[in-house]
Amino acid sequence: MTLAQKIAWDDTVLPFQLDNCDVRGRVARLDGVLEGILQQHNYPAQVEALIAEMALLTALIGQTISLRWKLQLQVQTKGAVRMIATDYYAPTEEGEPARIRAYASFDGDRLTDEVPFAQLGEGYFAIMIDQGEGTTPYQGITPIAGDSLTSCAEAYFAQSEQLPTRFKLSFGQSTEAGSAEHWRAGGIMLQHMPKASPHAKGGGSGEGGLLQAADLVEGEDGENWGRANVLLDTAEELELIGPSVAPSELLYRLFHEEQPRIFDTQPVRFGCTCSEDRVRQSLSIYSARDIAHMTTEEGRVTADCQFCGRHYDLDPATLGFEADGNDD
């Protein structure tokens, strides 16, 4: 394996379809994306693990949607980790990478030595799709359930979209020879092709009566879905996350009897949409008196992007709807 090969596999999402069982899916590998997200903050290890899982889910889900602008995954809880937000921006041009950014809000005094998911409390998991100007954003919400963010995402698709969906993910600190320790993540998403669901009404078999994938398929569809999941379960952690097996090779090893069809790879990168113009626009609703309350002793208005950490230092005389020259 060469370094060039490894780079080609990292920070990509590979779409595929299993023609023998009416299942579509994605394989994702994240490396530099996580580095870009996590190096902006000094997160505790439990929080980093949750962000890595959430970013990987975001990469997989974002690529399944005919997205023109932005997908956001968000978790809000009453636990030590109060919020996790990830954004996936669709490519602006053919062949361009998609962009991902993420951040978390947490109470460090409430973090424990338990597993990362235990740092969340009662709350909800949400997926929001914004197709841009002139459209109405869509939002779907399900309760925090199961034992991972992955199980929350599976419950969301079963409950809100009535699409049988399964994820198998791996993420952790990489200790490859010759490189500094850093986070890597990899995973596979399976999703049954959309069909009328026989069990869409009434309570499901999941936690709190939530629908699960198994509640949505029966007969031949159920057999096909079950077979694809059994094959997925044979994927080993190092195959998902390690640099030795290319995503296409992994697909053929797992699903060669299901006639896998592979499509064009989508590159993903860390990227933030913040800018001075956006900061000014967000402050344009405030009066001169409001701006004065935001002004520091040094006579400046400052703002920091929660996603990328960029610092903005602005002249208060140019801010707000009463400012002179606020269009400069």
Protein backbone atom coordinates (compact mmCIF):
# COMPACT_ATOMS: atom_id res chain seq x y z
CA MET A 1 0.00 0.00 0.00
CA THR A 2 1.29 3.44 -0.90
CA LEU A 3 0.59 6.72 0.84
CA ALA A 4 -1.21 7.92 -2.30
CA GLN A 5 -3.58 4.94 -2.10
CA LYS A 6 -4.33 5.64 1.53
CA ILE A 7 -5.11 9.28 0.80
CA ALA A 8 -7.40 8.23 -2.04
CA TRP A 9 -9.45 6.10 0.36
CA ASP A 10 -9.67 8.60 3.19
CA ASP A 11 -12.32 11.33 3.42
CA THR A 12 -14.55 9.73 0.80
CA VAL A 13 -18.05 8.25 0.59
CA LEU A 14 -18.60 5.41 -1.87
CA PRO A 15 -22.24 4.79 -2.94
CA PHE A 16 -23.33 1.29 -3.93
CA GLN A 17 -26.39 -0.83 -4.60
CA LEU A 18 -27.00 -4.54 -3.97
CA ASP A 19 -29.09 -5.56 -6.95
CA ASN A 20 -30.05 -9.00 -5.60
CA CYS A 21 -31.69 -7.67 -2.44
CA ASP A 22 -33.06 -4.18 -3.21
CA VAL A 23 -30.63 -2.52 -0.82
CA ARG A 24 -28.58 0.62 -1.37
CA GLY A 25 -25.74 1.84 0.77
CA ARG A 26 -22.64 3.90 1.39
CA VAL A 27 -19.11 3.23 2.63
CA ALA A 28 -17.34 6.15 4.31
CA ARG A 29 -13.79 6.73 5.55
CA LEU A 30 -12.97 9.88 7.51
CA ASP A 31 -9.52 11.02 8.56
CA GLY A 32 -8.58 14.60 7.70
CA VAL A 33 -12.22 15.66 8.13
CA LEU A 34 -12.12 14.62 11.80
CA GLU A 35 -8.75 16.27 12.26
CA GLY A 36 -10.16 19.52 10.87
CA ILE A 37 -13.19 19.34 13.17
CA LEU A 38 -11.46 18.31 16.40
CA GLN A 39 -8.29 20.39 16.21
CA GLN A 40 -10.39 23.55 16.60
CA HIS A 41 -11.32 22.61 20.19
CA ASN A 42 -9.84 20.92 23.22
CA TYR A 43 -12.66 18.42 23.69
CA PRO A 44 -12.47 15.66 26.32
CA ALA A 45 -12.09 12.15 24.87
CA GLN A 46 -15.74 11.20 25.50
CA VAL A 47 -16.92 14.26 23.57
CA GLU A 48 -14.46 13.64 20.72
CA ALA A 49 -15.81 10.10 20.35
CA LEU A 50 -19.40 11.36 20.11
CA ILE A 51 -18.42 13.96 17.52
CA ALA A 52 -16.51 11.36 15.49
CA GLU A 53 -19.57 9.08 15.46
CA MET A 54 -21.89 11.96 14.58
CA ALA A 55 -19.63 13.22 11.77
CA LEU A 56 -19.45 9.72 10.27
CA LEU A 57 -23.24 9.37 10.38
CA THR A 58 -23.52 12.80 8.76
CA ALA A 59 -21.20 11.85 5.89
CA LEU A 60 -23.13 8.65 5.22
CA ILE A 61 -26.60 10.19 5.45
CA GLY A 62 -25.72 13.37 3.54
CA GLN A 63 -24.61 11.41 0.51
CA THR A 64 -27.95 9.53 0.30
CA ILE A 65 -30.00 12.72 -0.12
CA SER A 66 -30.49 14.70 -3.34
CA LEU A 67 -29.17 17.68 -1.46
CA ARG A 68 -28.78 21.14 -2.97
CA TRP A 69 -27.56 22.92 0.16
CA LYS A 70 -27.36 21.70 3.76
CA LEU A 71 -28.13 18.70 5.94
CA GLN A 72 -27.81 19.07 9.71
CA LEU A 73 -27.79 16.38 12.38
CA GLN A 74 -28.40 17.61 15.90
CA VAL A 75 -28.60 16.07 19.36
CA GLN A 76 -30.05 18.05 22.27
CA THR A 77 -30.00 16.44 25.72
CA LYS A 78 -30.25 17.14 29.45
CA GLY A 79 -26.98 15.30 30.07
CA ALA A 80 -23.39 16.42 30.42
CA VAL A 81 -23.14 16.77 26.62
CA ARG A 82 -25.91 19.26 25.98
CA MET A 83 -25.70 19.50 22.22
CA ILE A 84 -23.89 18.10 19.20
CA ALA A 85 -24.44 19.71 15.80
CA THR A 86 -23.01 18.61 12.47
CA ASP A 87 -23.53 20.22 9.06
CA TYR A 88 -23.08 18.58 5.66
CA TYR A 89 -22.93 20.96 2.69
CA ALA A 90 -23.55 19.51 -0.75
CA PRO A 91 -20.93 20.10 -3.46
CA THR A 92 -21.45 23.39 -5.25
CA GLU A 93 -20.03 22.07 -8.54
CA GLU A 94 -19.75 18.66 -10.17
CA GLY A 95 -16.62 16.92 -8.91
CA GLU A 96 -16.21 19.25 -5.93
CA PRO A 97 -16.09 17.80 -2.39
CA ALA A 98 -18.94 17.96 0.09
CA ARG A 99 -18.05 19.81 3.30
CA ILE A 100 -18.63 18.80 6.92
CA ARG A 101 -18.32 20.80 10.12
CA ALA A 102 -19.30 19.99 13.73
CA TYR A 103 -19.18 21.21 17.30
CA ALA A 104 -20.43 20.19 20.75
CA SER A 105 -21.57 22.01 23.87
CA PHE A 106 -20.96 20.25 27.19
CA ASP A 107 -20.63 20.69 30.95
CA GLY A 108 -17.17 19.40 31.86
CA ASP A 109 -18.05 19.12 35.56
CA ARG A 110 -20.76 16.58 34.76
CA LEU A 111 -18.70 14.29 32.52
CA THR A 112 -18.07 10.82 33.97
CA ASP A 113 -15.78 7.87 33.22
CA GLU A 114 -18.68 5.99 31.63
CA VAL A 115 -18.90 5.29 27.90
CA PRO A 116 -19.43 8.33 25.63
CA PHE A 117 -23.13 7.66 25.00
CA ALA A 118 -23.74 7.72 28.76
CA GLN A 119 -22.77 11.41 28.73
CA LEU A 120 -26.06 12.12 26.96
CA GLY A 121 -29.30 12.33 28.86
CA GLU A 122 -32.95 12.51 27.97
CA GLY A 123 -33.37 14.41 24.74
CA TYR A 124 -33.87 14.12 21.02
CA PHE A 125 -32.05 13.27 17.80
CA ALA A 126 -32.98 15.46 14.82
CA ILE A 127 -32.25 15.60 11.11
CA MET A 128 -32.86 18.88 9.27
CA ILE A 129 -32.68 19.39 5.51
CA ASP A 130 -32.44 22.89 4.03
CA GLN A 131 -32.50 23.05 0.24
CA GLY A 132 -31.74 26.77 0.18
CA GLU A 133 -33.48 30.01 -0.63
CA GLY A 134 -37.11 29.74 -1.64
CA THR A 135 -37.68 26.36 0.03
CA THR A 136 -39.16 25.29 3.36
CA PRO A 137 -36.66 23.45 5.61
CA TYR A 138 -37.64 19.93 6.69
CA GLN A 139 -37.08 18.64 10.21
CA GLY A 140 -37.62 15.18 11.70
CA ILE A 141 -37.16 14.35 15.39
CA THR A 142 -37.00 11.14 17.42
CA PRO A 143 -36.20 10.60 21.12
CA ILE A 144 -32.72 9.58 22.22
CA ALA A 145 -32.94 5.79 22.30
CA GLY A 146 -30.81 2.67 22.29
CA ASP A 147 -27.15 2.60 23.28
CA SER A 148 -25.45 4.82 20.68
CA LEU A 149 -25.92 7.71 18.29
CA THR A 150 -25.97 5.03 15.59
CA SER A 151 -29.04 3.40 17.13
CA CYS A 152 -30.67 6.86 17.36
CA ALA A 153 -30.11 7.36 13.61
CA GLU A 154 -31.54 3.91 12.83
CA ALA A 155 -34.60 4.70 14.96
CA TYR A 156 -35.01 8.03 13.17
CA PHE A 157 -35.16 6.42 9.73
CA ALA A 158 -37.57 3.71 10.89
CA GLN A 159 -39.85 6.08 12.81
CA SER A 160 -39.75 9.30 10.75
CA GLU A 161 -38.99 8.03 7.24
CA GLN A 162 -40.19 4.41 7.54
CA LEU A 163 -37.04 3.29 5.74
CA PRO A 164 -35.24 0.19 7.10
CA THR A 165 -31.71 1.47 7.75
CA ARG A 166 -28.65 -0.05 9.35
CA PHE A 167 -25.21 1.34 10.20
CA LYS A 168 -22.03 -0.48 11.16
CA LEU A 169 -19.39 2.01 12.31
CA SER A 170 -15.91 2.03 13.75
CA PHE A 171 -14.00 5.03 15.06
CA GLY A 172 -11.08 5.68 17.37
CA GLN A 173 -7.58 7.00 17.79
CA SER A 174 -5.20 5.81 15.07
CA THR A 175 -1.66 4.90 16.07
CA GLU A 176 -0.19 4.10 12.65
CA ALA A 177 3.58 4.00 12.45
CA GLY A 178 5.18 7.20 11.23
CA SER A 179 2.24 9.48 12.01
CA ALA A 180 0.90 11.31 15.06
CA GLU A 181 -2.03 9.81 16.93
CA HIS A 182 -5.28 11.09 15.47
CA TRP A 183 -8.93 10.12 15.04
CA ARG A 184 -10.14 7.92 12.19
CA ALA A 185 -13.61 6.67 11.40
CA GLY A 186 -15.14 4.31 8.90
CA GLY A 187 -18.48 2.65 8.36
CA ILE A 188 -21.17 1.24 6.13
CA MET A 189 -24.80 2.30 5.78
CA LEU A 190 -27.46 -0.05 4.38
CA GLN A 191 -30.93 1.12 3.45
CA HIS A 192 -33.80 -0.82 1.94
CA MET A 193 -35.05 0.75 -1.27
CA PRO A 194 -38.20 2.81 -0.55
CA LYS A 195 -41.43 0.79 -0.73
CA ALA A 196 -44.83 0.83 0.90
CA SER A 197 -44.28 -0.44 4.42
CA PRO A 198 -46.68 -3.11 5.81
CA HIS A 199 -46.07 -2.14 9.45
CA ALA A 200 -45.98 1.64 9.19
CA LYS A 201 -48.97 2.14 11.52
CA GLY A 202 -49.11 1.51 15.24
CA GLY A 203 -46.35 0.96 17.76
CA GLY A 204 -43.03 -0.65 16.95
CA SER A 205 -40.78 -3.15 18.68
CA GLY A 206 -38.12 -0.63 19.67
CA GLU A 207 -37.51 1.23 22.89
CA GLY A 208 -40.62 3.15 23.94
CA GLY A 209 -42.61 1.65 21.08
CA LEU A 210 -40.43 3.17 18.36
CA LEU A 211 -40.44 1.49 14.99
CA GLN A 212 -37.38 -0.55 14.02
CA ALA A 213 -36.16 -1.72 10.63
CA ALA A 214 -37.51 -5.23 11.25
CA ASP A 215 -41.01 -3.77 11.71
CA LEU A 216 -40.97 -2.39 8.17
CA VAL A 217 -40.18 -5.43 6.01
CA GLU A 218 -41.80 -8.82 5.60
CA GLY A 219 -41.84 -11.75 3.20
CA GLU A 220 -39.17 -11.70 0.50
CA ASP A 221 -38.17 -8.14 1.42
CA GLY A 222 -37.65 -9.26 5.00
CA GLU A 223 -35.49 -12.18 3.90
CA ASN A 224 -33.39 -9.97 1.64
CA TRP A 225 -32.95 -7.34 4.35
CA GLY A 226 -32.02 -9.96 6.92
CA ARG A 227 -29.47 -11.56 4.60
CA ALA A 228 -27.79 -8.20 3.87
CA ASN A 229 -27.56 -7.50 7.60
CA VAL A 230 -26.03 -10.89 8.35
CA LEU A 231 -23.36 -10.20 5.72
CA LEU A 232 -22.76 -6.71 7.13
CA ASP A 233 -22.17 -8.18 10.57
CA THR A 234 -19.14 -10.07 9.23
CA ALA A 235 -17.31 -6.77 8.60
CA GLU A 236 -14.39 -6.47 11.01
CA GLU A 237 -13.47 -3.27 12.80
CA LEU A 238 -10.10 -2.95 11.07
CA GLU A 239 -11.73 -3.43 7.68
CA LEU A 240 -14.03 -0.50 8.39
CA ILE A 241 -11.43 1.88 9.80
CA GLY A 242 -8.01 0.66 8.73
CA PRO A 243 -5.98 1.69 5.69
CA SER A 244 -5.34 -1.83 4.35
CA VAL A 245 -8.67 -2.59 2.64
CA ALA A 246 -10.13 -0.29 0.00
CA PRO A 247 -13.88 0.38 0.31
CA SER A 248 -14.58 -1.36 -3.01
CA GLU A 249 -12.66 -4.43 -1.88
CA LEU A 250 -14.60 -4.51 1.36
CA LEU A 251 -17.92 -4.35 -0.50
CA TYR A 252 -17.03 -7.24 -2.75
CA ARG A 253 -15.84 -9.32 0.19
CA LEU A 254 -19.05 -8.73 2.12
CA PHE A 255 -21.67 -8.71 -0.62
CA HIS A 256 -20.24 -10.42 -3.72
CA GLU A 257 -23.27 -12.79 -3.93
CA GLU A 258 -25.68 -9.83 -3.86
CA GLN A 259 -24.30 -8.30 -7.08
CA PRO A 260 -22.90 -5.04 -5.70
CA ARG A 261 -22.96 -2.10 -8.11
CA ILE A 262 -20.54 0.72 -7.26
CA PHE A 263 -21.00 4.36 -8.22
CA ASP A 264 -18.70 7.39 -8.27
CA THR A 265 -16.87 8.23 -5.07
CA GLN A 266 -17.80 11.50 -3.33
CA PRO A 267 -14.91 13.32 -1.60
CA VAL A 268 -15.66 15.09 1.68
CA ARG A 269 -13.64 17.78 3.44
CA PHE A 270 -13.78 19.80 6.61
CA GLY A 271 -15.24 23.17 5.72
CA CYS A 272 -16.95 26.07 7.44
CA THR A 273 -19.29 28.63 5.88
CA CYS A 274 -18.66 31.39 8.42
CA SER A 275 -17.51 34.80 7.13
CA GLU A 276 -17.35 38.42 8.23
CA ASP A 277 -20.32 39.19 5.99
CA ARG A 278 -22.41 36.52 7.75
CA VAL A 279 -21.45 37.90 11.17
CA ARG A 280 -22.41 41.40 10.07
CA GLN A 281 -25.70 40.11 8.68
CA SER A 282 -26.53 38.34 11.95
CA LEU A 283 -25.88 41.61 13.84
CA SER A 284 -27.87 43.75 11.42
CA ILE A 285 -31.10 43.24 13.40
CA TYR A 286 -29.70 45.06 16.46
CA SER A 287 -29.98 48.74 17.35
CA ALA A 288 -27.04 50.99 18.20
CA ARG A 289 -27.92 50.57 21.89
CA ASP A 290 -27.81 46.76 21.57
CA ILE A 291 -24.47 46.97 19.77
CA ALA A 292 -23.13 49.18 22.57
CA HIS A 293 -23.93 46.42 25.10
CA MET A 294 -21.90 43.99 22.99
CA THR A 295 -18.89 46.32 22.72
CA THR A 296 -15.79 45.43 24.74
CA GLU A 297 -13.76 47.81 26.90
CA GLU A 298 -11.37 48.06 23.95
CA GLY A 299 -14.17 49.47 21.81
CA ARG A 300 -14.63 46.42 19.58
CA VAL A 301 -17.32 43.81 18.94
CA THR A 302 -15.89 40.30 18.79
CA ALA A 303 -17.36 36.97 17.71
CA ASP A 304 -15.99 33.43 17.50
CA CYS A 305 -17.27 30.70 15.19
CA GLN A 306 -18.28 27.67 17.26
CA PHE A 307 -17.51 25.34 14.34
CA CYS A 308 -14.07 26.43 13.15
CA GLY A 309 -12.87 28.75 15.92
CA ARG A 310 -12.31 31.72 13.61
CA HIS A 311 -12.21 35.03 15.51
CA TYR A 312 -13.89 38.17 14.20
CA ASP A 313 -12.98 41.66 15.47
CA LEU A 314 -15.34 44.37 14.23
CA ASP A 315 -15.83 48.11 14.54
CA PRO A 316 -19.15 48.67 16.39
CA ALA A 317 -19.78 51.86 14.36
CA THR A 318 -20.30 49.66 11.28
CA LEU A 319 -22.73 47.20 12.91
CA GLY A 320 -26.50 47.12 13.35
CA PHE A 321 -29.33 48.61 11.36
CA GLU A 322 -28.59 52.14 12.58
CA ALA A 323 -24.90 52.12 11.66
CA ASP A 324 -23.32 54.43 9.13
CA GLY A 325 -21.57 52.46 6.46
CA ASN A 326 -22.98 49.11 7.56
CA ASP A 327 -23.07 48.06 3.93
CA ASP A 328 -19.30 48.52 3.55
